[in-house]
Amino acid sequence: IDMDLLPEEITSIFNSEKYQLMLINSSYEIASNELNEQISEISKILKKYDKNAIVAGEGALTKDLVEITNHDFLMVNYISIGIIFLLMLIVLKSISLPIILIVVIEFAIFANMAMAYYMNTTLPFIASIVIGTIQLGATIDYAILLSSTYLEERLTKNKNDAMKHTLEKTIPS
């Protein structure tokens, strides 16, 4: 639209000495790699003209949210693993057992997340966080129950009988 055709009251909303609004439409899907690349490229071009310029909108906000929360959730995951390791260390009175259990559980979480990739399923970024957190919390409880019960059974039984009795006691949980 030729700016001369619009009244000053309208153009002053979108274009002043301090601000200028530009609308850019995209055909890419929200949170897609293509849209994120396009937003990055638009931002680079925009920063050449004004270092304080801002790219806003649903796509840009989703991109920012993913970038910011990825770091936060990674830190939460590390802290959770550390706290769980310390708790298991105290409860199980062993160094190797908590390491083995946490490695196995983290591998299971990785395998669950890999299934989405191999099944060509796109998950929202928050899904990996929710799945990882729930699986870590749920399986750690069971791992402690299974391990502590086995250690108790092992005091009076051989390995096979101890595991059989442990499974009989803990499988209902």
C-alpha atoms as a PDB file:
ATOM      1  CA  ILE A   1       0.000   0.000   0.000  1.00  0.00           C
ATOM      2  CA  ASP A   2       1.351   3.367  -0.930  1.00  0.00           C
ATOM      3  CA  MET A   3       1.863   5.225   2.344  1.00  0.00           C
ATOM      4  CA  ASP A   4       0.679   8.489   0.739  1.00  0.00           C
ATOM      5  CA  LEU A   5      -2.805   6.996   0.311  1.00  0.00           C
ATOM      6  CA  LEU A   6      -3.270   6.371   4.048  1.00  0.00           C
ATOM      7  CA  PRO A   7      -4.280   9.084   6.523  1.00  0.00           C
ATOM      8  CA  GLU A   8      -1.638  10.357   8.984  1.00  0.00           C
ATOM      9  CA  GLU A   9      -3.620   8.997  11.984  1.00  0.00           C
ATOM     10  CA  ILE A  10      -3.122   5.454  10.701  1.00  0.00           C
ATOM     11  CA  THR A  11       0.461   5.703   9.475  1.00  0.00           C
ATOM     12  CA  SER A  12       1.602   7.356  12.708  1.00  0.00           C
ATOM     13  CA  ILE A  13       0.619   4.198  14.604  1.00  0.00           C
ATOM     14  CA  PHE A  14       2.987   2.071  12.528  1.00  0.00           C
ATOM     15  CA  ASN A  15       5.686   4.559  11.639  1.00  0.00           C
ATOM     16  CA  SER A  16       7.099   7.239  13.929  1.00  0.00           C
ATOM     17  CA  GLU A  17      10.484   8.757  14.708  1.00  0.00           C
ATOM     18  CA  LYS A  18      11.114   6.004  17.304  1.00  0.00           C
ATOM     19  CA  TYR A  19       9.318   2.983  15.875  1.00  0.00           C
ATOM     20  CA  GLN A  20       8.392   1.326  12.620  1.00  0.00           C
ATOM     21  CA  LEU A  21       6.220  -1.756  12.291  1.00  0.00           C
ATOM     22  CA  MET A  22       6.842  -4.189   9.464  1.00  0.00           C
ATOM     23  CA  LEU A  23       4.654  -7.207   8.819  1.00  0.00           C
ATOM     24  CA  ILE A  24       6.223 -10.303   7.319  1.00  0.00           C
ATOM     25  CA  ASN A  25       4.143 -13.355   6.527  1.00  0.00           C
ATOM     26  CA  SER A  26       5.589 -16.838   6.317  1.00  0.00           C
ATOM     27  CA  SER A  27       4.199 -20.075   4.978  1.00  0.00           C
ATOM     28  CA  TYR A  28       6.371 -22.220   7.272  1.00  0.00           C
ATOM     29  CA  GLU A  29       4.846 -24.140  10.142  1.00  0.00           C
ATOM     30  CA  ILE A  30       5.292 -22.799  13.685  1.00  0.00           C
ATOM     31  CA  ALA A  31       8.300 -24.277  15.572  1.00  0.00           C
ATOM     32  CA  SER A  32       9.699 -25.840  12.394  1.00  0.00           C
ATOM     33  CA  ASN A  33      13.393 -25.731  11.550  1.00  0.00           C
ATOM     34  CA  GLU A  34      12.605 -23.820   8.360  1.00  0.00           C
ATOM     35  CA  LEU A  35      10.747 -21.082  10.238  1.00  0.00           C
ATOM     36  CA  ASN A  36      13.498 -20.844  12.856  1.00  0.00           C
ATOM     37  CA  GLU A  37      16.100 -20.410  10.092  1.00  0.00           C
ATOM     38  CA  GLN A  38      13.927 -17.791   8.418  1.00  0.00           C
ATOM     39  CA  ILE A  39      13.510 -15.872  11.690  1.00  0.00           C
ATOM     40  CA  SER A  40      17.275 -15.967  12.288  1.00  0.00           C
ATOM     41  CA  GLU A  41      17.932 -14.657   8.788  1.00  0.00           C
ATOM     42  CA  ILE A  42      15.328 -11.876   9.137  1.00  0.00           C
ATOM     43  CA  SER A  43      16.846 -10.917  12.492  1.00  0.00           C
ATOM     44  CA  LYS A  44      20.350 -10.695  10.961  1.00  0.00           C
ATOM     45  CA  ILE A  45      19.075  -8.419   8.182  1.00  0.00           C
ATOM     46  CA  LEU A  46      17.102  -6.308  10.657  1.00  0.00           C
ATOM     47  CA  LYS A  47      20.094  -5.870  13.003  1.00  0.00           C
ATOM     48  CA  LYS A  48      22.120  -4.413  10.114  1.00  0.00           C
ATOM     49  CA  TYR A  49      19.710  -1.467  10.037  1.00  0.00           C
ATOM     50  CA  ASP A  50      18.854  -1.169  13.729  1.00  0.00           C
ATOM     51  CA  LYS A  51      20.694  -3.025  16.489  1.00  0.00           C
ATOM     52  CA  ASN A  52      17.705  -2.539  18.825  1.00  0.00           C
ATOM     53  CA  ALA A  53      15.162  -3.947  16.367  1.00  0.00           C
ATOM     54  CA  ILE A  54      12.968  -6.807  17.564  1.00  0.00           C
ATOM     55  CA  VAL A  55      11.499  -9.701  15.605  1.00  0.00           C
ATOM     56  CA  ALA A  56       8.217 -10.579  17.287  1.00  0.00           C
ATOM     57  CA  GLY A  57       5.258 -12.840  16.652  1.00  0.00           C
ATOM     58  CA  GLU A  58       4.241 -16.399  17.351  1.00  0.00           C
ATOM     59  CA  GLY A  59       7.124 -18.000  15.461  1.00  0.00           C
ATOM     60  CA  ALA A  60       9.789 -15.770  17.009  1.00  0.00           C
ATOM     61  CA  LEU A  61       8.352 -16.203  20.507  1.00  0.00           C
ATOM     62  CA  THR A  62       8.178 -19.981  20.135  1.00  0.00           C
ATOM     63  CA  LYS A  63      11.793 -20.037  18.915  1.00  0.00           C
ATOM     64  CA  ASP A  64      12.903 -17.924  21.901  1.00  0.00           C
ATOM     65  CA  LEU A  65      10.925 -20.083  24.329  1.00  0.00           C
ATOM     66  CA  VAL A  66      12.544 -23.270  23.037  1.00  0.00           C
ATOM     67  CA  GLU A  67      16.052 -21.784  23.184  1.00  0.00           C
ATOM     68  CA  ILE A  68      15.645 -20.383  26.688  1.00  0.00           C
ATOM     69  CA  THR A  69      13.884 -23.372  28.227  1.00  0.00           C
ATOM     70  CA  ASN A  70      16.264 -25.956  26.727  1.00  0.00           C
ATOM     71  CA  HIS A  71      19.063 -24.679  28.959  1.00  0.00           C
ATOM     72  CA  ASP A  72      16.797 -24.434  32.005  1.00  0.00           C
ATOM     73  CA  PHE A  73      15.412 -27.933  31.619  1.00  0.00           C
ATOM     74  CA  LEU A  74      18.876 -29.370  31.042  1.00  0.00           C
ATOM     75  CA  MET A  75      20.021 -27.820  34.329  1.00  0.00           C
ATOM     76  CA  VAL A  76      16.914 -29.124  36.134  1.00  0.00           C
ATOM     77  CA  ASN A  77      17.614 -32.606  34.757  1.00  0.00           C
ATOM     78  CA  TYR A  78      21.238 -32.530  35.971  1.00  0.00           C
ATOM     79  CA  ILE A  79      20.210 -31.275  39.407  1.00  0.00           C
ATOM     80  CA  SER A  80      17.457 -33.936  39.626  1.00  0.00           C
ATOM     81  CA  ILE A  81      19.910 -36.685  38.746  1.00  0.00           C
ATOM     82  CA  GLY A  82      22.381 -35.347  41.321  1.00  0.00           C
ATOM     83  CA  ILE A  83      19.798 -35.220  44.106  1.00  0.00           C
ATOM     84  CA  ILE A  84      18.441 -38.655  43.204  1.00  0.00           C
ATOM     85  CA  PHE A  85      22.006 -40.019  43.180  1.00  0.00           C
ATOM     86  CA  LEU A  86      22.612 -38.620  46.677  1.00  0.00           C
ATOM     87  CA  LEU A  87      19.320 -40.043  47.991  1.00  0.00           C
ATOM     88  CA  MET A  88      20.050 -43.454  46.504  1.00  0.00           C
ATOM     89  CA  LEU A  89      23.573 -43.305  47.896  1.00  0.00           C
ATOM     90  CA  ILE A  90      22.145 -42.757  51.384  1.00  0.00           C
ATOM     91  CA  VAL A  91      19.332 -45.310  51.060  1.00  0.00           C
ATOM     92  CA  LEU A  92      21.258 -48.075  49.298  1.00  0.00           C
ATOM     93  CA  LYS A  93      24.633 -47.408  50.978  1.00  0.00           C
ATOM     94  CA  SER A  94      26.434 -48.134  47.729  1.00  0.00           C
ATOM     95  CA  ILE A  95      28.180 -46.035  45.088  1.00  0.00           C
ATOM     96  CA  SER A  96      27.959 -48.399  42.139  1.00  0.00           C
ATOM     97  CA  LEU A  97      24.261 -49.289  42.467  1.00  0.00           C
ATOM     98  CA  PRO A  98      22.959 -45.687  42.144  1.00  0.00           C
ATOM     99  CA  ILE A  99      25.227 -45.134  39.129  1.00  0.00           C
ATOM    100  CA  ILE A 100      23.993 -48.309  37.436  1.00  0.00           C
ATOM    101  CA  LEU A 101      20.331 -47.530  38.146  1.00  0.00           C
ATOM    102  CA  ILE A 102      20.547 -43.935  36.954  1.00  0.00           C
ATOM    103  CA  VAL A 103      22.401 -44.936  33.767  1.00  0.00           C
ATOM    104  CA  VAL A 104      19.787 -47.608  33.000  1.00  0.00           C
ATOM    105  CA  ILE A 105      16.887 -45.221  33.649  1.00  0.00           C
ATOM    106  CA  GLU A 106      18.448 -42.435  31.559  1.00  0.00           C
ATOM    107  CA  PHE A 107      19.025 -44.927  28.736  1.00  0.00           C
ATOM    108  CA  ALA A 108      15.345 -45.951  28.946  1.00  0.00           C
ATOM    109  CA  ILE A 109      14.316 -42.290  28.709  1.00  0.00           C
ATOM    110  CA  PHE A 110      16.607 -41.880  25.692  1.00  0.00           C
ATOM    111  CA  ALA A 111      15.106 -45.010  24.079  1.00  0.00           C
ATOM    112  CA  ASN A 112      11.561 -43.694  24.611  1.00  0.00           C
ATOM    113  CA  MET A 113      12.456 -40.387  23.024  1.00  0.00           C
ATOM    114  CA  ALA A 114      14.217 -42.140  20.138  1.00  0.00           C
ATOM    115  CA  MET A 115      10.999 -44.020  19.351  1.00  0.00           C
ATOM    116  CA  ALA A 116       9.377 -40.775  18.222  1.00  0.00           C
ATOM    117  CA  TYR A 117      12.257 -40.188  15.821  1.00  0.00           C
ATOM    118  CA  TYR A 118      12.155 -43.695  14.369  1.00  0.00           C
ATOM    119  CA  MET A 119       8.368 -43.554  14.015  1.00  0.00           C
ATOM    120  CA  ASN A 120       8.747 -40.181  12.236  1.00  0.00           C
ATOM    121  CA  THR A 121       6.590 -38.461  14.859  1.00  0.00           C
ATOM    122  CA  THR A 122       7.122 -34.801  15.633  1.00  0.00           C
ATOM    123  CA  LEU A 123       6.760 -34.015  19.318  1.00  0.00           C
ATOM    124  CA  PRO A 124       6.362 -30.553  20.797  1.00  0.00           C
ATOM    125  CA  PHE A 125       9.534 -29.480  22.588  1.00  0.00           C
ATOM    126  CA  ILE A 126       7.823 -29.663  25.980  1.00  0.00           C
ATOM    127  CA  ALA A 127       7.019 -33.380  25.488  1.00  0.00           C
ATOM    128  CA  SER A 128      10.615 -34.485  25.981  1.00  0.00           C
ATOM    129  CA  ILE A 129      10.810 -32.572  29.234  1.00  0.00           C
ATOM    130  CA  VAL A 130       7.559 -33.988  30.559  1.00  0.00           C
ATOM    131  CA  ILE A 131       8.361 -37.548  29.477  1.00  0.00           C
ATOM    132  CA  GLY A 132      11.870 -37.385  30.928  1.00  0.00           C
ATOM    133  CA  THR A 133      10.744 -35.910  34.238  1.00  0.00           C
ATOM    134  CA  ILE A 134       7.838 -38.288  34.767  1.00  0.00           C
ATOM    135  CA  GLN A 135       9.834 -41.351  33.753  1.00  0.00           C
ATOM    136  CA  LEU A 136      12.789 -40.386  35.950  1.00  0.00           C
ATOM    137  CA  GLY A 137      10.549 -39.763  38.963  1.00  0.00           C
ATOM    138  CA  ALA A 138       8.411 -42.860  38.503  1.00  0.00           C
ATOM    139  CA  THR A 139      11.183 -45.322  37.766  1.00  0.00           C
ATOM    140  CA  ILE A 140      13.555 -44.118  40.479  1.00  0.00           C
ATOM    141  CA  ASP A 141      10.985 -45.043  43.138  1.00  0.00           C
ATOM    142  CA  TYR A 142      10.635 -48.507  41.684  1.00  0.00           C
ATOM    143  CA  ALA A 143      14.417 -48.879  41.285  1.00  0.00           C
ATOM    144  CA  ILE A 144      14.946 -48.093  44.973  1.00  0.00           C
ATOM    145  CA  LEU A 145      12.146 -50.475  45.993  1.00  0.00           C
ATOM    146  CA  LEU A 146      13.489 -53.273  43.798  1.00  0.00           C
ATOM    147  CA  SER A 147      17.121 -52.769  44.852  1.00  0.00           C
ATOM    148  CA  SER A 148      16.494 -52.476  48.586  1.00  0.00           C
ATOM    149  CA  THR A 149      14.165 -55.501  48.566  1.00  0.00           C
ATOM    150  CA  TYR A 150      16.735 -57.544  46.654  1.00  0.00           C
ATOM    151  CA  LEU A 151      19.483 -56.570  49.089  1.00  0.00           C
ATOM    152  CA  GLU A 152      17.289 -57.658  52.021  1.00  0.00           C
ATOM    153  CA  GLU A 153      16.391 -60.963  50.339  1.00  0.00           C
ATOM    154  CA  ARG A 154      20.024 -61.585  49.449  1.00  0.00           C
ATOM    155  CA  LEU A 155      20.945 -61.749  53.148  1.00  0.00           C
ATOM    156  CA  THR A 156      19.136 -65.088  53.529  1.00  0.00           C
ATOM    157  CA  LYS A 157      18.839 -66.488  49.985  1.00  0.00           C
ATOM    158  CA  ASN A 158      20.972 -67.272  46.957  1.00  0.00           C
ATOM    159  CA  LYS A 159      20.913 -64.877  43.957  1.00  0.00           C
ATOM    160  CA  ASN A 160      18.177 -66.631  41.981  1.00  0.00           C
ATOM    161  CA  ASP A 161      15.829 -67.166  44.943  1.00  0.00           C
ATOM    162  CA  ALA A 162      16.448 -63.628  46.175  1.00  0.00           C
ATOM    163  CA  MET A 163      15.525 -62.173  42.768  1.00  0.00           C
ATOM    164  CA  LYS A 164      12.460 -64.428  42.481  1.00  0.00           C
ATOM    165  CA  HIS A 165      11.169 -63.322  45.901  1.00  0.00           C
ATOM    166  CA  THR A 166      12.058 -59.686  45.148  1.00  0.00           C
ATOM    167  CA  LEU A 167      10.027 -59.738  41.943  1.00  0.00           C
ATOM    168  CA  GLU A 168       7.094 -61.429  43.690  1.00  0.00           C
ATOM    169  CA  LYS A 169       7.070 -58.638  46.299  1.00  0.00           C
ATOM    170  CA  THR A 170       7.701 -55.658  44.027  1.00  0.00           C
ATOM    171  CA  ILE A 171       5.885 -56.402  40.779  1.00  0.00           C
ATOM    172  CA  PRO A 172       2.486 -55.366  42.211  1.00  0.00           C
ATOM    173  CA  SER A 173       3.965 -51.905  42.841  1.00  0.00           C
END
